[in-house]
Amino acid sequence: MNVKLIRMVSGEEVLAQILEEGDSGLVVKNPAIILPAGQGRLALVPWLPYAETEGMYLASKVYSFMVVPKTDLLNEYNSMFGSGLVLPPKELATPKLVLSE
């Protein structure tokens, strides 16, 4: 699943699955806005919850940039909208091997 963090020109930060990407804009699925939840925590809330958001087109003039989200944010998004699979921290993903003679 290709999920990106999109900064809108309005200042909103939206996490969404990218279905198509082109010079004129994006087609996204299941967009979620990131809101502060107090005490340094963030919350994901469906963006436009009363609209059909699969195949939503965003013109390139309405967003500033896209970046890859941090693993914790991606895991939270996947638990809400994706397969439910979460990625382990990088240090746990590859165990350290020691060769002995």
N, C-alpha and C. Protein backbone atom coordinates (compact mmCIF):
# COMPACT_ATOMS: atom_id res chain seq x y z
N MET A 1 0.84 -1.17 0.00
CA MET A 1 0.00 0.00 0.00
C MET A 1 0.90 1.24 0.00
N ASN A 2 0.66 2.15 -0.91
CA ASN A 2 1.45 3.37 -1.06
C ASN A 2 0.77 4.50 -0.30
N VAL A 3 1.16 4.72 0.96
CA VAL A 3 0.56 5.75 1.80
C VAL A 3 1.55 6.90 1.95
N LYS A 4 1.05 8.13 1.77
CA LYS A 4 1.91 9.32 1.87
C LYS A 4 1.26 10.34 2.80
N LEU A 5 2.09 11.17 3.38
CA LEU A 5 1.66 12.30 4.17
C LEU A 5 1.67 13.51 3.23
N ILE A 6 0.52 14.14 3.07
CA ILE A 6 0.35 15.23 2.10
C ILE A 6 0.11 16.53 2.86
N ARG A 7 0.91 17.55 2.58
CA ARG A 7 0.71 18.88 3.18
C ARG A 7 -0.11 19.71 2.22
N MET A 8 -1.33 20.06 2.65
CA MET A 8 -2.22 20.86 1.84
C MET A 8 -1.81 22.34 1.93
N VAL A 9 -2.11 23.14 0.92
CA VAL A 9 -1.77 24.56 0.96
C VAL A 9 -2.52 25.28 2.08
N SER A 10 -3.62 24.71 2.54
CA SER A 10 -4.38 25.27 3.65
C SER A 10 -3.70 25.03 5.00
N GLY A 11 -2.65 24.18 5.02
CA GLY A 11 -1.93 23.85 6.24
C GLY A 11 -2.31 22.50 6.82
N GLU A 12 -3.39 21.90 6.33
CA GLU A 12 -3.79 20.59 6.83
C GLU A 12 -2.76 19.54 6.42
N GLU A 13 -2.59 18.54 7.26
CA GLU A 13 -1.75 17.40 6.95
C GLU A 13 -2.66 16.20 6.81
N VAL A 14 -2.62 15.59 5.63
CA VAL A 14 -3.52 14.49 5.30
C VAL A 14 -2.70 13.25 4.99
N LEU A 15 -3.09 12.15 5.58
CA LEU A 15 -2.47 10.86 5.31
C LEU A 15 -3.43 10.10 4.41
N ALA A 16 -2.95 9.59 3.28
CA ALA A 16 -3.85 8.91 2.34
C ALA A 16 -3.09 7.89 1.51
N GLN A 17 -3.84 6.91 1.03
CA GLN A 17 -3.30 5.94 0.09
C GLN A 17 -3.31 6.58 -1.30
N ILE A 18 -2.19 6.56 -1.99
CA ILE A 18 -2.08 7.14 -3.32
C ILE A 18 -2.40 6.06 -4.34
N LEU A 19 -3.45 6.30 -5.12
CA LEU A 19 -3.84 5.35 -6.17
C LEU A 19 -3.17 5.70 -7.49
N GLU A 20 -3.10 6.99 -7.80
CA GLU A 20 -2.46 7.48 -9.04
C GLU A 20 -1.76 8.79 -8.74
N GLU A 21 -0.66 9.02 -9.43
CA GLU A 21 0.09 10.26 -9.26
C GLU A 21 0.50 10.77 -10.63
N GLY A 22 0.25 12.06 -10.88
CA GLY A 22 0.62 12.66 -12.15
C GLY A 22 1.01 14.11 -11.95
N ASP A 23 1.40 14.78 -13.04
CA ASP A 23 1.82 16.18 -12.96
C ASP A 23 0.68 17.09 -12.53
N SER A 24 -0.55 16.76 -12.91
CA SER A 24 -1.68 17.65 -12.61
C SER A 24 -2.32 17.37 -11.25
N GLY A 25 -1.99 16.24 -10.62
CA GLY A 25 -2.55 15.96 -9.31
C GLY A 25 -2.46 14.51 -8.91
N LEU A 26 -3.26 14.15 -7.89
CA LEU A 26 -3.24 12.82 -7.29
C LEU A 26 -4.64 12.25 -7.23
N VAL A 27 -4.73 10.94 -7.22
CA VAL A 27 -5.97 10.26 -6.89
C VAL A 27 -5.69 9.48 -5.61
N VAL A 28 -6.49 9.76 -4.57
CA VAL A 28 -6.24 9.17 -3.26
C VAL A 28 -7.44 8.36 -2.79
N LYS A 29 -7.18 7.55 -1.77
CA LYS A 29 -8.21 6.71 -1.16
C LYS A 29 -8.05 6.81 0.35
N ASN A 30 -9.15 6.82 1.08
CA ASN A 30 -9.17 6.84 2.55
C ASN A 30 -8.29 7.94 3.16
N PRO A 31 -8.50 9.20 2.78
CA PRO A 31 -7.71 10.27 3.40
C PRO A 31 -8.09 10.47 4.86
N ALA A 32 -7.10 10.75 5.68
CA ALA A 32 -7.32 11.02 7.11
C ALA A 32 -6.51 12.26 7.48
N ILE A 33 -7.15 13.16 8.21
CA ILE A 33 -6.46 14.37 8.65
C ILE A 33 -5.79 14.08 9.98
N ILE A 34 -4.66 14.71 10.22
CA ILE A 34 -3.91 14.54 11.46
C ILE A 34 -4.22 15.73 12.36
N LEU A 35 -4.73 15.45 13.55
CA LEU A 35 -5.11 16.50 14.50
C LEU A 35 -4.36 16.31 15.81
N PRO A 36 -3.98 17.42 16.47
CA PRO A 36 -3.37 17.30 17.80
C PRO A 36 -4.42 16.80 18.79
N ALA A 37 -4.03 15.86 19.64
CA ALA A 37 -4.96 15.27 20.61
C ALA A 37 -4.58 15.63 22.05
N GLY A 38 -3.67 16.55 22.22
CA GLY A 38 -3.25 16.97 23.56
C GLY A 38 -2.11 16.12 24.09
N GLN A 39 -1.33 16.70 24.98
CA GLN A 39 -0.20 16.04 25.63
C GLN A 39 0.78 15.44 24.63
N GLY A 40 1.01 16.14 23.50
CA GLY A 40 1.97 15.68 22.51
C GLY A 40 1.51 14.51 21.67
N ARG A 41 0.22 14.19 21.70
CA ARG A 41 -0.31 13.05 20.95
C ARG A 41 -1.04 13.55 19.70
N LEU A 42 -1.15 12.66 18.72
CA LEU A 42 -1.85 12.96 17.47
C LEU A 42 -3.02 12.01 17.30
N ALA A 43 -4.03 12.47 16.56
CA ALA A 43 -5.18 11.62 16.25
C ALA A 43 -5.42 11.64 14.75
N LEU A 44 -5.84 10.51 14.20
CA LEU A 44 -6.24 10.42 12.80
C LEU A 44 -7.75 10.42 12.73
N VAL A 45 -8.29 11.32 11.91
CA VAL A 45 -9.73 11.45 11.74
C VAL A 45 -10.03 11.39 10.25
N PRO A 46 -11.01 10.62 9.82
CA PRO A 46 -11.34 10.59 8.39
C PRO A 46 -11.57 12.00 7.86
N TRP A 47 -10.96 12.30 6.73
CA TRP A 47 -11.11 13.60 6.07
C TRP A 47 -12.31 13.51 5.16
N LEU A 48 -13.25 14.42 5.27
CA LEU A 48 -14.51 14.40 4.52
C LEU A 48 -15.26 13.09 4.79
N PRO A 49 -15.63 12.84 6.05
CA PRO A 49 -16.23 11.55 6.41
C PRO A 49 -17.58 11.28 5.75
N TYR A 50 -18.25 12.30 5.23
CA TYR A 50 -19.57 12.10 4.63
C TYR A 50 -19.51 12.03 3.11
N ALA A 51 -18.31 11.88 2.57
CA ALA A 51 -18.14 11.80 1.12
C ALA A 51 -17.50 10.47 0.75
N GLU A 52 -17.73 10.04 -0.48
CA GLU A 52 -17.06 8.85 -1.02
C GLU A 52 -15.61 9.26 -1.30
N THR A 53 -14.67 8.65 -0.61
CA THR A 53 -13.28 9.10 -0.73
C THR A 53 -12.39 8.14 -1.50
N GLU A 54 -12.95 7.11 -2.08
CA GLU A 54 -12.14 6.23 -2.92
C GLU A 54 -12.10 6.84 -4.31
N GLY A 55 -10.91 7.14 -4.77
CA GLY A 55 -10.76 7.76 -6.08
C GLY A 55 -10.92 9.28 -6.03
N MET A 56 -10.68 9.89 -4.87
CA MET A 56 -10.77 11.35 -4.74
C MET A 56 -9.59 11.99 -5.45
N TYR A 57 -9.88 12.98 -6.29
CA TYR A 57 -8.83 13.66 -7.06
C TYR A 57 -8.41 14.92 -6.32
N LEU A 58 -7.10 15.11 -6.15
CA LEU A 58 -6.55 16.33 -5.58
C LEU A 58 -5.68 16.99 -6.64
N ALA A 59 -6.06 18.19 -7.07
CA ALA A 59 -5.26 18.93 -8.05
C ALA A 59 -3.94 19.34 -7.41
N SER A 60 -2.88 19.39 -8.20
CA SER A 60 -1.55 19.72 -7.67
C SER A 60 -1.50 21.10 -7.03
N LYS A 61 -2.40 21.99 -7.39
CA LYS A 61 -2.39 23.33 -6.81
C LYS A 61 -2.95 23.38 -5.38
N VAL A 62 -3.56 22.29 -4.90
CA VAL A 62 -4.12 22.29 -3.54
C VAL A 62 -3.20 21.65 -2.50
N TYR A 63 -2.07 21.08 -2.93
CA TYR A 63 -1.12 20.54 -1.96
C TYR A 63 0.28 21.05 -2.26
N SER A 64 1.08 21.15 -1.20
CA SER A 64 2.45 21.69 -1.31
C SER A 64 3.47 20.60 -1.60
N PHE A 65 3.38 19.50 -0.84
CA PHE A 65 4.35 18.42 -1.00
C PHE A 65 3.82 17.14 -0.39
N MET A 66 4.51 16.03 -0.66
CA MET A 66 4.20 14.72 -0.09
C MET A 66 5.49 14.12 0.46
N VAL A 67 5.36 13.41 1.56
CA VAL A 67 6.51 12.72 2.15
C VAL A 67 6.06 11.35 2.64
N VAL A 68 7.02 10.49 2.89
CA VAL A 68 6.75 9.18 3.47
C VAL A 68 6.53 9.38 4.96
N PRO A 69 5.43 8.86 5.52
CA PRO A 69 5.18 9.02 6.95
C PRO A 69 6.09 8.15 7.80
N LYS A 70 6.29 8.57 9.04
CA LYS A 70 7.05 7.75 9.99
C LYS A 70 6.30 6.45 10.24
N THR A 71 7.03 5.42 10.66
CA THR A 71 6.47 4.09 10.84
C THR A 71 5.30 4.08 11.82
N ASP A 72 5.40 4.80 12.93
CA ASP A 72 4.32 4.81 13.91
C ASP A 72 3.03 5.37 13.32
N LEU A 73 3.15 6.43 12.54
CA LEU A 73 1.98 7.04 11.90
C LEU A 73 1.40 6.11 10.84
N LEU A 74 2.26 5.47 10.07
CA LEU A 74 1.82 4.52 9.06
C LEU A 74 1.11 3.32 9.71
N ASN A 75 1.64 2.84 10.82
CA ASN A 75 1.00 1.73 11.53
C ASN A 75 -0.40 2.11 12.02
N GLU A 76 -0.54 3.32 12.53
CA GLU A 76 -1.85 3.77 13.00
C GLU A 76 -2.83 3.86 11.83
N TYR A 77 -2.37 4.39 10.70
CA TYR A 77 -3.21 4.49 9.50
C TYR A 77 -3.62 3.08 9.04
N ASN A 78 -2.68 2.15 8.99
CA ASN A 78 -2.97 0.78 8.55
C ASN A 78 -3.96 0.08 9.48
N SER A 79 -3.89 0.39 10.76
CA SER A 79 -4.84 -0.23 11.68
C SER A 79 -6.25 0.31 11.47
N MET A 80 -6.37 1.56 11.00
CA MET A 80 -7.68 2.16 10.75
C MET A 80 -8.24 1.83 9.37
N PHE A 81 -7.40 1.92 8.34
CA PHE A 81 -7.88 1.85 6.96
C PHE A 81 -7.30 0.71 6.15
N GLY A 82 -6.19 0.16 6.59
CA GLY A 82 -5.51 -0.83 5.77
C GLY A 82 -5.79 -2.24 6.21
N SER A 83 -4.79 -3.06 6.03
CA SER A 83 -4.91 -4.48 6.33
C SER A 83 -4.85 -4.77 7.82
N GLY A 84 -4.44 -3.78 8.59
CA GLY A 84 -4.27 -4.00 10.02
C GLY A 84 -2.87 -4.44 10.37
N LEU A 85 -2.05 -4.71 9.36
CA LEU A 85 -0.67 -5.12 9.62
C LEU A 85 0.15 -3.91 10.03
N VAL A 86 1.02 -4.11 10.99
CA VAL A 86 1.91 -3.04 11.43
C VAL A 86 3.35 -3.48 11.22
N LEU A 87 4.20 -2.51 10.98
CA LEU A 87 5.62 -2.78 10.76
C LEU A 87 6.35 -2.74 12.09
N PRO A 88 7.25 -3.69 12.35
CA PRO A 88 8.02 -3.65 13.60
C PRO A 88 9.08 -2.56 13.51
N PRO A 89 9.57 -2.09 14.67
CA PRO A 89 10.67 -1.14 14.63
C PRO A 89 11.86 -1.74 13.88
N LYS A 90 12.63 -0.87 13.24
CA LYS A 90 13.73 -1.36 12.41
C LYS A 90 14.74 -2.19 13.18
N GLU A 91 15.00 -1.84 14.44
CA GLU A 91 15.99 -2.61 15.19
C GLU A 91 15.51 -4.02 15.52
N LEU A 92 14.19 -4.25 15.49
CA LEU A 92 13.67 -5.59 15.72
C LEU A 92 13.55 -6.40 14.44
N ALA A 93 13.50 -5.74 13.30
CA ALA A 93 13.27 -6.40 12.04
C ALA A 93 14.47 -7.23 11.59
N THR A 94 15.65 -6.81 11.96
CA THR A 94 16.84 -7.53 11.53
C THR A 94 17.70 -7.87 12.76
N PRO A 95 17.65 -9.08 13.21
CA PRO A 95 18.45 -9.44 14.39
C PRO A 95 19.94 -9.39 14.08
N LYS A 96 20.71 -9.05 15.10
CA LYS A 96 22.16 -8.99 14.94
C LYS A 96 22.71 -10.41 15.01
N LEU A 97 23.48 -10.75 14.00
CA LEU A 97 24.10 -12.07 13.95
C LEU A 97 25.57 -11.96 14.29
N VAL A 98 26.05 -12.93 15.04
CA VAL A 98 27.46 -12.97 15.40
C VAL A 98 28.01 -14.30 14.92
N LEU A 99 29.09 -14.23 14.17
CA LEU A 99 29.73 -15.43 13.68
C LEU A 99 30.72 -15.94 14.71
N SER A 100 30.72 -17.23 14.94
CA SER A 100 31.68 -17.81 15.87
C SER A 100 32.44 -18.92 15.15
N GLU A 101 33.62 -19.14 15.59
CA GLU A 101 34.46 -20.17 14.96
C GLU A 101 34.44 -21.45 15.73
